[in-house]
């Protein structure tokens, strides 16, 4: 499976957590991926599911951004698994968030 497809799905699995935290904050925020890394461990075939469970990290980063009124950067991890549960790829994304003024 082409790496760009996996990258988009991996980014989305982290980005929806960031977008949800923006919604919960009730404030306008900008969000941007500033860096990323990828590791491909096995050929991806069939349906690949990406997951990220770093909601606490994102909540803490938003709390810091809201209290300091400055931009905050943080790294999030996404893991891609095939139908058998085998990890086929791992992605890391550095997100930058900042409350809009």
N, C-alpha and C. Protein backbone atom coordinates (compact mmCIF):
# COMPACT_ATOMS: atom_id res chain seq x y z
N UNK A 1 0.85 -1.16 0.00
CA UNK A 1 0.00 0.00 0.00
C UNK A 1 0.90 1.23 0.00
N UNK A 2 0.59 2.19 -0.82
CA UNK A 2 1.42 3.37 -0.99
C UNK A 2 1.56 4.12 0.33
N UNK A 3 2.78 4.61 0.61
CA UNK A 3 3.06 5.25 1.90
C UNK A 3 2.20 6.48 2.16
N UNK A 4 1.85 7.22 1.12
CA UNK A 4 1.06 8.44 1.33
C UNK A 4 -0.33 8.12 1.88
N UNK A 5 -0.92 7.02 1.43
CA UNK A 5 -2.23 6.62 1.93
C UNK A 5 -2.14 6.33 3.43
N UNK A 6 -1.13 5.59 3.82
CA UNK A 6 -0.95 5.29 5.24
C UNK A 6 -0.70 6.57 6.03
N UNK A 7 0.09 7.46 5.48
CA UNK A 7 0.40 8.71 6.17
C UNK A 7 -0.83 9.56 6.41
N UNK A 8 -1.71 9.63 5.41
CA UNK A 8 -2.93 10.41 5.59
C UNK A 8 -3.83 9.81 6.66
N UNK A 9 -3.97 8.49 6.64
CA UNK A 9 -4.81 7.82 7.65
C UNK A 9 -4.20 7.97 9.04
N UNK A 10 -2.88 7.86 9.13
CA UNK A 10 -2.21 8.01 10.42
C UNK A 10 -2.38 9.43 10.96
N UNK A 11 -2.20 10.42 10.10
CA UNK A 11 -2.37 11.81 10.53
C UNK A 11 -3.80 12.06 11.01
N UNK A 12 -4.76 11.51 10.29
CA UNK A 12 -6.15 11.69 10.68
C UNK A 12 -6.42 11.10 12.06
N UNK A 13 -5.81 9.97 12.37
CA UNK A 13 -6.05 9.35 13.68
C UNK A 13 -5.55 10.22 14.83
N UNK A 14 -4.56 11.05 14.58
CA UNK A 14 -4.10 11.99 15.60
C UNK A 14 -4.88 13.31 15.51
N UNK A 15 -5.13 13.75 14.30
CA UNK A 15 -5.78 15.05 14.09
C UNK A 15 -7.20 15.11 14.63
N UNK A 16 -7.95 14.01 14.59
CA UNK A 16 -9.32 14.05 15.12
C UNK A 16 -9.31 14.29 16.63
N UNK A 17 -8.27 13.83 17.31
CA UNK A 17 -8.15 14.08 18.75
C UNK A 17 -7.90 15.56 18.99
N UNK A 18 -7.04 16.16 18.17
CA UNK A 18 -6.76 17.59 18.29
C UNK A 18 -8.03 18.39 17.98
N UNK A 19 -8.74 18.03 16.91
CA UNK A 19 -9.97 18.74 16.54
C UNK A 19 -11.03 18.61 17.62
N UNK A 20 -11.13 17.45 18.24
CA UNK A 20 -12.10 17.26 19.31
C UNK A 20 -11.77 18.15 20.50
N UNK A 21 -10.49 18.29 20.81
CA UNK A 21 -10.10 19.15 21.93
C UNK A 21 -10.37 20.62 21.62
N UNK A 22 -10.22 21.01 20.35
CA UNK A 22 -10.58 22.39 19.96
C UNK A 22 -12.06 22.60 20.23
N UNK A 23 -12.89 21.64 19.80
CA UNK A 23 -14.34 21.73 20.01
C UNK A 23 -14.65 21.85 21.50
N UNK A 24 -14.03 21.01 22.32
CA UNK A 24 -14.27 21.03 23.77
C UNK A 24 -13.83 22.34 24.41
N UNK A 25 -12.79 22.97 23.87
CA UNK A 25 -12.28 24.22 24.47
C UNK A 25 -13.24 25.38 24.24
N UNK A 26 -14.01 25.32 23.17
CA UNK A 26 -14.91 26.42 22.84
C UNK A 26 -14.19 27.65 22.33
N UNK A 27 -12.91 27.52 22.07
CA UNK A 27 -12.09 28.65 21.61
C UNK A 27 -11.59 28.38 20.19
N UNK A 28 -11.34 29.44 19.43
CA UNK A 28 -10.75 29.22 18.10
C UNK A 28 -9.25 28.93 18.22
N UNK A 29 -8.81 27.87 17.57
CA UNK A 29 -7.41 27.47 17.58
C UNK A 29 -6.93 27.23 16.17
N UNK A 30 -5.66 27.48 15.94
CA UNK A 30 -5.02 27.01 14.71
C UNK A 30 -4.27 25.73 15.06
N UNK A 31 -4.19 24.82 14.09
CA UNK A 31 -3.48 23.56 14.29
C UNK A 31 -2.71 23.24 13.02
N UNK A 32 -1.51 22.70 13.20
CA UNK A 32 -0.65 22.43 12.05
C UNK A 32 0.34 21.34 12.40
N UNK A 33 0.54 20.42 11.47
CA UNK A 33 1.61 19.44 11.63
C UNK A 33 2.91 20.12 11.20
N UNK A 34 3.91 20.12 12.09
CA UNK A 34 5.17 20.80 11.79
C UNK A 34 6.30 19.83 11.45
N UNK A 35 6.18 18.57 11.90
CA UNK A 35 7.16 17.54 11.57
C UNK A 35 6.46 16.19 11.60
N UNK A 36 7.04 15.24 10.89
CA UNK A 36 6.55 13.87 11.02
C UNK A 36 7.66 12.88 10.73
N UNK A 37 7.46 11.67 11.26
CA UNK A 37 8.38 10.55 11.05
C UNK A 37 7.54 9.31 10.80
N UNK A 38 8.09 8.39 10.01
CA UNK A 38 7.36 7.14 9.73
C UNK A 38 8.32 5.97 9.72
N UNK A 39 7.80 4.84 10.16
CA UNK A 39 8.53 3.59 10.12
C UNK A 39 7.60 2.53 9.54
N UNK A 40 8.06 1.85 8.49
CA UNK A 40 7.26 0.81 7.85
C UNK A 40 7.86 -0.54 8.22
N UNK A 41 7.08 -1.36 8.91
CA UNK A 41 7.59 -2.59 9.48
C UNK A 41 7.24 -3.83 8.67
N UNK A 42 6.19 -3.75 7.90
CA UNK A 42 5.73 -4.88 7.11
C UNK A 42 4.91 -4.36 5.95
N UNK A 43 4.89 -5.08 4.84
CA UNK A 43 4.08 -4.66 3.70
C UNK A 43 2.62 -4.61 4.11
N UNK A 44 1.99 -3.49 3.83
CA UNK A 44 0.59 -3.30 4.21
C UNK A 44 -0.31 -3.86 3.11
N UNK A 45 -1.17 -4.79 3.48
CA UNK A 45 -2.13 -5.40 2.55
C UNK A 45 -3.50 -5.37 3.20
N UNK A 46 -4.51 -5.15 2.37
CA UNK A 46 -5.88 -5.15 2.88
C UNK A 46 -6.19 -3.90 3.66
N UNK A 47 -7.09 -4.03 4.60
CA UNK A 47 -7.52 -2.89 5.42
C UNK A 47 -6.52 -2.68 6.56
N UNK A 48 -6.04 -1.45 6.68
CA UNK A 48 -5.12 -1.08 7.76
C UNK A 48 -5.87 -0.09 8.65
N UNK A 49 -5.85 -0.37 9.94
CA UNK A 49 -6.52 0.50 10.90
C UNK A 49 -5.48 1.23 11.73
N UNK A 50 -5.61 2.56 11.79
CA UNK A 50 -4.69 3.38 12.58
C UNK A 50 -5.35 3.81 13.87
N UNK A 51 -4.55 3.82 14.93
CA UNK A 51 -5.08 4.24 16.22
C UNK A 51 -4.09 5.13 16.95
N UNK A 52 -4.65 5.96 17.81
CA UNK A 52 -3.87 6.85 18.67
C UNK A 52 -4.68 7.02 19.95
N UNK A 53 -4.04 6.88 21.09
CA UNK A 53 -4.76 7.01 22.36
C UNK A 53 -4.11 8.04 23.28
N UNK A 54 -3.78 9.19 22.72
CA UNK A 54 -3.07 10.21 23.49
C UNK A 54 -3.96 11.41 23.82
N UNK A 55 -5.20 11.15 24.18
CA UNK A 55 -6.14 12.22 24.52
C UNK A 55 -5.63 13.03 25.71
N UNK A 56 -5.02 12.37 26.69
CA UNK A 56 -4.53 13.10 27.88
C UNK A 56 -3.42 14.08 27.51
N UNK A 57 -2.51 13.65 26.65
CA UNK A 57 -1.43 14.53 26.19
C UNK A 57 -2.00 15.77 25.49
N UNK A 58 -2.99 15.55 24.66
CA UNK A 58 -3.60 16.66 23.92
C UNK A 58 -4.31 17.61 24.89
N UNK A 59 -5.06 17.07 25.84
CA UNK A 59 -5.76 17.90 26.83
C UNK A 59 -4.76 18.74 27.62
N UNK A 60 -3.65 18.14 28.03
CA UNK A 60 -2.62 18.88 28.78
C UNK A 60 -2.01 19.98 27.92
N UNK A 61 -1.79 19.70 26.64
CA UNK A 61 -1.20 20.69 25.74
C UNK A 61 -2.15 21.86 25.53
N UNK A 62 -3.45 21.58 25.41
CA UNK A 62 -4.43 22.66 25.26
C UNK A 62 -4.52 23.48 26.54
N UNK A 63 -4.47 22.83 27.69
CA UNK A 63 -4.51 23.56 28.95
C UNK A 63 -3.33 24.53 29.04
N UNK A 64 -2.17 24.06 28.62
CA UNK A 64 -0.98 24.93 28.64
C UNK A 64 -1.15 26.09 27.67
N UNK A 65 -1.65 25.81 26.47
CA UNK A 65 -1.85 26.87 25.48
C UNK A 65 -2.85 27.91 25.97
N UNK A 66 -3.91 27.45 26.62
CA UNK A 66 -4.92 28.38 27.12
C UNK A 66 -4.41 29.21 28.30
N UNK A 67 -3.56 28.62 29.14
CA UNK A 67 -3.06 29.37 30.31
C UNK A 67 -1.94 30.33 29.94
N UNK A 68 -1.14 29.99 28.96
CA UNK A 68 0.00 30.84 28.60
C UNK A 68 -0.29 31.76 27.42
N UNK A 69 -1.34 31.46 26.65
CA UNK A 69 -1.67 32.20 25.43
C UNK A 69 -0.53 32.17 24.42
N UNK A 70 0.24 31.09 24.46
CA UNK A 70 1.33 30.89 23.52
C UNK A 70 1.12 29.59 22.77
N UNK A 71 1.84 29.44 21.67
CA UNK A 71 1.78 28.21 20.91
C UNK A 71 2.43 27.06 21.67
N UNK A 72 1.93 25.86 21.43
CA UNK A 72 2.45 24.66 22.08
C UNK A 72 2.66 23.61 21.01
N UNK A 73 3.78 22.90 21.11
CA UNK A 73 4.08 21.79 20.19
C UNK A 73 4.15 20.50 20.98
N UNK A 74 3.66 19.42 20.38
CA UNK A 74 3.69 18.12 21.04
C UNK A 74 3.67 17.03 19.98
N UNK A 75 4.27 15.88 20.32
CA UNK A 75 4.36 14.74 19.43
C UNK A 75 3.26 13.74 19.74
N UNK A 76 2.64 13.21 18.69
CA UNK A 76 1.63 12.16 18.84
C UNK A 76 2.02 10.96 17.99
N UNK A 77 1.66 9.77 18.46
CA UNK A 77 1.99 8.53 17.77
C UNK A 77 0.74 7.87 17.21
N UNK A 78 0.87 7.31 16.02
CA UNK A 78 -0.21 6.54 15.40
C UNK A 78 0.36 5.20 14.96
N UNK A 79 -0.38 4.14 15.25
CA UNK A 79 0.05 2.79 14.90
C UNK A 79 -0.93 2.19 13.91
N UNK A 80 -0.39 1.64 12.81
CA UNK A 80 -1.22 0.99 11.80
C UNK A 80 -1.13 -0.52 11.92
N UNK A 81 -2.30 -1.18 12.00
CA UNK A 81 -2.35 -2.65 12.11
C UNK A 81 -3.21 -3.22 11.00
N UNK A 82 -2.81 -4.39 10.53
CA UNK A 82 -3.61 -5.08 9.52
C UNK A 82 -4.71 -5.90 10.20
N UNK A 83 -5.50 -6.62 9.41
CA UNK A 83 -6.65 -7.37 9.94
C UNK A 83 -6.25 -8.41 10.98
N UNK A 84 -5.03 -8.92 10.93
CA UNK A 84 -4.58 -9.92 11.90
C UNK A 84 -4.05 -9.28 13.18
N UNK A 85 -3.98 -7.94 13.22
CA UNK A 85 -3.46 -7.24 14.39
C UNK A 85 -1.97 -6.98 14.35
N UNK A 86 -1.33 -7.36 13.23
CA UNK A 86 0.11 -7.14 13.07
C UNK A 86 0.38 -5.66 12.78
N UNK A 87 1.34 -5.08 13.49
CA UNK A 87 1.72 -3.68 13.24
C UNK A 87 2.48 -3.61 11.92
N UNK A 88 1.97 -2.80 11.00
CA UNK A 88 2.63 -2.65 9.70
C UNK A 88 3.37 -1.32 9.59
N UNK A 89 2.94 -0.30 10.36
CA UNK A 89 3.64 0.99 10.32
C UNK A 89 3.37 1.78 11.59
N UNK A 90 4.32 2.66 11.88
CA UNK A 90 4.21 3.55 13.02
C UNK A 90 4.58 4.96 12.55
N UNK A 91 3.75 5.91 12.91
CA UNK A 91 3.96 7.30 12.52
C UNK A 91 4.03 8.17 13.76
N UNK A 92 4.79 9.25 13.66
CA UNK A 92 4.85 10.27 14.70
C UNK A 92 4.60 11.61 14.04
N UNK A 93 3.77 12.43 14.66
CA UNK A 93 3.45 13.76 14.14
C UNK A 93 3.66 14.78 15.24
N UNK A 94 4.38 15.84 14.90
CA UNK A 94 4.49 16.96 15.83
C UNK A 94 3.41 17.96 15.45
N UNK A 95 2.49 18.17 16.37
CA UNK A 95 1.41 19.14 16.17
C UNK A 95 1.78 20.45 16.85
N UNK A 96 1.38 21.54 16.23
CA UNK A 96 1.52 22.86 16.80
C UNK A 96 0.11 23.44 16.93
N UNK A 97 -0.21 23.92 18.12
CA UNK A 97 -1.52 24.55 18.34
C UNK A 97 -1.31 25.94 18.92
N UNK A 98 -2.23 26.84 18.60
CA UNK A 98 -2.17 28.18 19.16
C UNK A 98 -3.57 28.76 19.15
N UNK A 99 -3.94 29.36 20.27
CA UNK A 99 -5.23 30.02 20.35
C UNK A 99 -5.22 31.23 19.44
N UNK A 100 -6.26 31.37 18.64
CA UNK A 100 -6.35 32.53 17.75
C UNK A 100 -6.78 33.74 18.56
N UNK A 101 -6.20 34.90 18.22
CA UNK A 101 -6.55 36.11 18.96
C UNK A 101 -7.59 36.92 18.23
